[in-house]
C-alpha atoms as a PDB file:
ATOM      1  CA  UNK A   1     -16.686  -3.890 -17.596  1.00  0.00           C
ATOM      2  CA  UNK A   2     -17.093  -2.554 -14.265  1.00  0.00           C
ATOM      3  CA  UNK A   3     -20.438  -2.597 -12.016  1.00  0.00           C
ATOM      4  CA  UNK A   4     -22.717   0.020 -11.457  1.00  0.00           C
ATOM      5  CA  UNK A   5     -22.319   0.960  -7.551  1.00  0.00           C
ATOM      6  CA  UNK A   6     -26.167   1.861  -7.523  1.00  0.00           C
ATOM      7  CA  UNK A   7     -27.010  -1.794  -8.606  1.00  0.00           C
ATOM      8  CA  UNK A   8     -25.059  -4.522  -6.863  1.00  0.00           C
ATOM      9  CA  UNK A   9     -27.293  -7.071  -8.212  1.00  0.00           C
ATOM     10  CA  UNK A  10     -26.223  -6.517 -11.916  1.00  0.00           C
ATOM     11  CA  UNK A  11     -24.872  -9.757 -13.363  1.00  0.00           C
ATOM     12  CA  UNK A  12     -21.097  -9.196 -14.605  1.00  0.00           C
ATOM     13  CA  UNK A  13     -20.877  -9.147 -18.386  1.00  0.00           C
ATOM     14  CA  UNK A  14     -18.062 -10.835 -20.444  1.00  0.00           C
ATOM     15  CA  UNK A  15     -16.478  -9.305 -23.752  1.00  0.00           C
ATOM     16  CA  UNK A  16     -19.097 -10.909 -26.075  1.00  0.00           C
ATOM     17  CA  UNK A  17     -22.068  -9.253 -24.556  1.00  0.00           C
ATOM     18  CA  UNK A  18     -20.549  -5.940 -24.043  1.00  0.00           C
ATOM     19  CA  UNK A  19     -21.952  -4.871 -27.515  1.00  0.00           C
ATOM     20  CA  UNK A  20     -25.380  -6.019 -26.683  1.00  0.00           C
ATOM     21  CA  UNK A  21     -27.816  -3.297 -25.354  1.00  0.00           C
ATOM     22  CA  UNK A  22     -30.780  -4.842 -22.815  1.00  0.00           C
ATOM     23  CA  UNK A  23     -33.858  -2.829 -22.696  1.00  0.00           C
ATOM     24  CA  UNK A  24     -35.050  -2.176 -19.006  1.00  0.00           C
ATOM     25  CA  UNK A  25     -37.068  -5.386 -18.055  1.00  0.00           C
ATOM     26  CA  UNK A  26     -36.095  -7.387 -20.753  1.00  0.00           C
ATOM     27  CA  UNK A  27     -35.056 -11.045 -20.394  1.00  0.00           C
ATOM     28  CA  UNK A  28     -32.457 -12.582 -22.493  1.00  0.00           C
ATOM     29  CA  UNK A  29     -33.059 -15.829 -24.296  1.00  0.00           C
ATOM     30  CA  UNK A  30     -30.766 -18.723 -24.363  1.00  0.00           C
ATOM     31  CA  UNK A  31     -28.456 -19.305 -26.921  1.00  0.00           C
ATOM     32  CA  UNK A  32     -29.616 -22.396 -28.524  1.00  0.00           C
ATOM     33  CA  UNK A  33     -27.018 -25.431 -28.914  1.00  0.00           C
ATOM     34  CA  UNK A  34     -25.878 -26.495 -32.397  1.00  0.00           C
ATOM     35  CA  UNK A  35     -28.081 -29.426 -33.684  1.00  0.00           C
ATOM     36  CA  UNK A  36     -27.102 -32.833 -33.688  1.00  0.00           C
ATOM     37  CA  UNK A  37     -25.744 -33.814 -37.118  1.00  0.00           C
ATOM     38  CA  UNK A  38     -28.362 -35.511 -39.021  1.00  0.00           C
ATOM     39  CA  UNK A  39     -28.166 -39.301 -39.746  1.00  0.00           C
ATOM     40  CA  UNK A  40     -26.854 -39.956 -43.111  1.00  0.00           C
ATOM     41  CA  UNK A  41     -29.772 -40.793 -45.589  1.00  0.00           C
ATOM     42  CA  UNK A  42     -29.882 -44.300 -47.042  1.00  0.00           C
ATOM     43  CA  UNK A  43     -28.289 -44.870 -50.393  1.00  0.00           C
ATOM     44  CA  UNK A  44     -30.784 -43.949 -53.660  1.00  0.00           C
ATOM     45  CA  UNK A  45     -30.511 -45.792 -56.324  1.00  0.00           C
ATOM     46  CA  UNK A  46     -31.497 -44.170 -59.634  1.00  0.00           C
ATOM     47  CA  UNK A  47     -32.630 -45.570 -62.959  1.00  0.00           C
ATOM     48  CA  UNK A  48     -32.858 -43.462 -66.111  1.00  0.00           C
ATOM     49  CA  UNK A  49     -34.145 -44.919 -69.120  1.00  0.00           C
ATOM     50  CA  UNK A  50     -34.690 -42.949 -72.439  1.00  0.00           C
ATOM     51  CA  UNK A  51     -37.634 -43.143 -74.647  1.00  0.00           C
ATOM     52  CA  UNK A  52     -39.369 -41.466 -77.582  1.00  0.00           C
ATOM     53  CA  UNK A  53     -42.382 -39.519 -76.897  1.00  0.00           C
ATOM     54  CA  UNK A  54     -45.072 -37.743 -79.222  1.00  0.00           C
ATOM     55  CA  UNK A  55     -45.683 -34.012 -77.994  1.00  0.00           C
ATOM     56  CA  UNK A  56     -48.628 -31.758 -79.265  1.00  0.00           C
ATOM     57  CA  UNK A  57     -50.808 -29.244 -78.441  1.00  0.00           C
ATOM     58  CA  UNK A  58     -54.457 -30.096 -77.522  1.00  0.00           C
ATOM     59  CA  UNK A  59     -57.594 -27.688 -76.975  1.00  0.00           C
ATOM     60  CA  UNK A  60     -59.673 -27.523 -74.097  1.00  0.00           C
ATOM     61  CA  UNK A  61     -62.955 -29.105 -75.051  1.00  0.00           C
ATOM     62  CA  UNK A  62     -64.981 -27.555 -72.457  1.00  0.00           C
ATOM     63  CA  UNK A  63     -63.842 -24.179 -73.229  1.00  0.00           C
ATOM     64  CA  UNK A  64     -64.859 -24.641 -76.685  1.00  0.00           C
ATOM     65  CA  UNK A  65     -68.214 -26.316 -76.134  1.00  0.00           C
ATOM     66  CA  UNK A  66     -68.942 -23.282 -73.565  1.00  0.00           C
ATOM     67  CA  UNK A  67     -68.016 -20.690 -75.846  1.00  0.00           C
ATOM     68  CA  UNK A  68     -70.462 -22.392 -78.697  1.00  0.00           C
ATOM     69  CA  UNK A  69     -73.234 -22.402 -75.909  1.00  0.00           C
ATOM     70  CA  UNK A  70     -72.645 -18.801 -74.988  1.00  0.00           C
ATOM     71  CA  UNK A  71     -72.455 -17.748 -78.591  1.00  0.00           C
ATOM     72  CA  UNK A  72     -75.392 -19.436 -79.567  1.00  0.00           C
ATOM     73  CA  UNK A  73     -77.343 -18.283 -76.688  1.00  0.00           C
ATOM     74  CA  UNK A  74     -76.733 -14.474 -77.885  1.00  0.00           C
ATOM     75  CA  UNK A  75     -77.968 -15.713 -81.281  1.00  0.00           C
ATOM     76  CA  UNK A  76     -81.205 -17.084 -79.635  1.00  0.00           C
ATOM     77  CA  UNK A  77     -81.594 -13.624 -77.805  1.00  0.00           C
ATOM     78  CA  UNK A  78     -81.112 -11.807 -81.179  1.00  0.00           C
ATOM     79  CA  UNK A  79     -83.643 -14.063 -83.019  1.00  0.00           C
ATOM     80  CA  UNK A  80     -86.265 -13.875 -80.407  1.00  0.00           C
ATOM     81  CA  UNK A  81     -86.231 -10.104 -80.967  1.00  0.00           C
ATOM     82  CA  UNK A  82     -85.617  -9.811 -84.516  1.00  0.00           C
ATOM     83  CA  UNK A  83     -89.033 -11.224 -85.497  1.00  0.00           C
ATOM     84  CA  UNK A  84     -92.349  -9.985 -84.604  1.00  0.00           C
ATOM     85  CA  UNK A  85     -93.999 -10.874 -81.865  1.00  0.00           C
ATOM     86  CA  UNK A  86     -96.179 -13.917 -82.130  1.00  0.00           C
ATOM     87  CA  UNK A  87     -99.975 -13.478 -80.463  1.00  0.00           C
ATOM     88  CA  UNK A  88     -99.879 -17.144 -79.448  1.00  0.00           C
ATOM     89  CA  UNK A  89     -96.479 -17.280 -77.556  1.00  0.00           C
ATOM     90  CA  UNK A  90     -94.734 -14.496 -75.463  1.00  0.00           C
ATOM     91  CA  UNK A  91     -91.150 -13.314 -76.064  1.00  0.00           C
ATOM     92  CA  UNK A  92     -90.149 -15.251 -72.798  1.00  0.00           C
ATOM     93  CA  UNK A  93     -91.540 -18.547 -74.199  1.00  0.00           C
ATOM     94  CA  UNK A  94     -90.110 -18.052 -77.642  1.00  0.00           C
ATOM     95  CA  UNK A  95     -86.459 -17.335 -76.289  1.00  0.00           C
ATOM     96  CA  UNK A  96     -86.499 -20.324 -73.996  1.00  0.00           C
ATOM     97  CA  UNK A  97     -87.085 -22.621 -76.956  1.00  0.00           C
ATOM     98  CA  UNK A  98     -84.717 -21.045 -79.015  1.00  0.00           C
ATOM     99  CA  UNK A  99     -82.147 -21.009 -76.093  1.00  0.00           C
ATOM    100  CA  UNK A 100     -82.830 -24.717 -75.657  1.00  0.00           C
ATOM    101  CA  UNK A 101     -82.230 -25.647 -79.248  1.00  0.00           C
ATOM    102  CA  UNK A 102     -79.400 -23.260 -79.759  1.00  0.00           C
ATOM    103  CA  UNK A 103     -77.436 -24.190 -77.002  1.00  0.00           C
ATOM    104  CA  UNK A 104     -77.401 -27.739 -77.796  1.00  0.00           C
ATOM    105  CA  UNK A 105     -76.146 -26.671 -81.497  1.00  0.00           C
ATOM    106  CA  UNK A 106     -73.664 -24.267 -80.023  1.00  0.00           C
ATOM    107  CA  UNK A 107     -72.011 -27.148 -77.767  1.00  0.00           C
ATOM    108  CA  UNK A 108     -72.296 -29.666 -80.387  1.00  0.00           C
ATOM    109  CA  UNK A 109     -70.356 -27.141 -83.006  1.00  0.00           C
ATOM    110  CA  UNK A 110     -67.885 -26.093 -80.323  1.00  0.00           C
ATOM    111  CA  UNK A 111     -66.841 -29.625 -79.749  1.00  0.00           C
ATOM    112  CA  UNK A 112     -66.657 -30.261 -83.724  1.00  0.00           C
ATOM    113  CA  UNK A 113     -64.237 -27.225 -83.838  1.00  0.00           C
ATOM    114  CA  UNK A 114     -62.168 -28.685 -80.950  1.00  0.00           C
ATOM    115  CA  UNK A 115     -61.825 -32.017 -82.407  1.00  0.00           C
ATOM    116  CA  UNK A 116     -60.810 -30.476 -85.685  1.00  0.00           C
ATOM    117  CA  UNK A 117     -58.267 -28.385 -84.358  1.00  0.00           C
ATOM    118  CA  UNK A 118     -56.940 -31.198 -82.262  1.00  0.00           C
ATOM    119  CA  UNK A 119     -56.641 -33.492 -85.318  1.00  0.00           C
ATOM    120  CA  UNK A 120     -54.867 -30.382 -87.105  1.00  0.00           C
ATOM    121  CA  UNK A 121     -52.509 -30.099 -83.871  1.00  0.00           C
ATOM    122  CA  UNK A 122     -51.898 -34.082 -84.117  1.00  0.00           C
ATOM    123  CA  UNK A 123     -50.441 -33.475 -87.588  1.00  0.00           C
ATOM    124  CA  UNK A 124     -47.758 -31.238 -86.249  1.00  0.00           C
ATOM    125  CA  UNK A 125     -46.795 -33.312 -83.499  1.00  0.00           C
ATOM    126  CA  UNK A 126     -43.130 -33.598 -82.600  1.00  0.00           C
ATOM    127  CA  UNK A 127     -41.243 -36.719 -81.322  1.00  0.00           C
ATOM    128  CA  UNK A 128     -38.708 -35.718 -78.654  1.00  0.00           C
ATOM    129  CA  UNK A 129     -36.434 -37.547 -76.539  1.00  0.00           C
ATOM    130  CA  UNK A 130     -37.577 -38.088 -72.807  1.00  0.00           C
ATOM    131  CA  UNK A 131     -35.758 -39.448 -69.734  1.00  0.00           C
ATOM    132  CA  UNK A 132     -37.760 -41.421 -67.008  1.00  0.00           C
ATOM    133  CA  UNK A 133     -35.790 -41.249 -63.718  1.00  0.00           C
ATOM    134  CA  UNK A 134     -36.818 -43.820 -61.207  1.00  0.00           C
ATOM    135  CA  UNK A 135     -35.518 -43.204 -57.809  1.00  0.00           C
ATOM    136  CA  UNK A 136     -35.786 -46.051 -55.232  1.00  0.00           C
ATOM    137  CA  UNK A 137     -34.645 -46.069 -51.556  1.00  0.00           C
ATOM    138  CA  UNK A 138     -33.647 -49.470 -49.924  1.00  0.00           C
ATOM    139  CA  UNK A 139     -35.638 -50.263 -47.131  1.00  0.00           C
ATOM    140  CA  UNK A 140     -38.754 -48.192 -48.701  1.00  0.00           C
ATOM    141  CA  UNK A 141     -39.916 -51.419 -50.714  1.00  0.00           C
ATOM    142  CA  UNK A 142     -43.636 -51.679 -51.556  1.00  0.00           C
ATOM    143  CA  UNK A 143     -45.734 -54.235 -49.924  1.00  0.00           C
ATOM    144  CA  UNK A 144     -46.369 -56.097 -53.092  1.00  0.00           C
ATOM    145  CA  UNK A 145     -43.398 -55.849 -55.156  1.00  0.00           C
ATOM    146  CA  UNK A 146     -43.780 -56.872 -58.594  1.00  0.00           C
ATOM    147  CA  UNK A 147     -41.216 -59.364 -60.029  1.00  0.00           C
ATOM    148  CA  UNK A 148     -38.587 -57.878 -62.519  1.00  0.00           C
ATOM    149  CA  UNK A 149     -39.424 -54.472 -63.674  1.00  0.00           C
ATOM    150  CA  UNK A 150     -43.058 -55.008 -64.536  1.00  0.00           C
ATOM    151  CA  UNK A 151     -45.434 -52.080 -64.583  1.00  0.00           C
ATOM    152  CA  UNK A 152     -49.128 -52.240 -64.756  1.00  0.00           C
ATOM    153  CA  UNK A 153     -50.872 -52.238 -68.257  1.00  0.00           C
ATOM    154  CA  UNK A 154     -53.112 -49.137 -68.908  1.00  0.00           C
ATOM    155  CA  UNK A 155     -55.949 -51.477 -69.113  1.00  0.00           C
ATOM    156  CA  UNK A 156     -55.805 -52.841 -65.588  1.00  0.00           C
END
């Protein structure tokens, strides 16, 4: 490539830069050097154990109880306006009493329905084979290693 006679300060370009176009006033970023090779990871030790586990669907209890409470709150609203107005209590007070009673009944019935569905799902539970994979890296030992392969019990 030849130099422009008007600009004697332009740097000479090699063949690799010939296809690049520079905008006026733009600066070129240096090409990063290749990164050093990463250190090899320590040897990982994986232990695979097979076990049979029971799998079943389980209902979400909170959703059932919330649905029961909302459903019985609507029933309390219907009961408030279904009967003629009492001269002793206004409709707001009657609705408050009915809402308190119906909400408790709705939560209880929602929980009972969830329990019944959970029992039905437990009957249809399947037993499947599952693999447990324990991966340990030498040098990353815990501070208090347990002797052998003891695991803490569920009660602890």
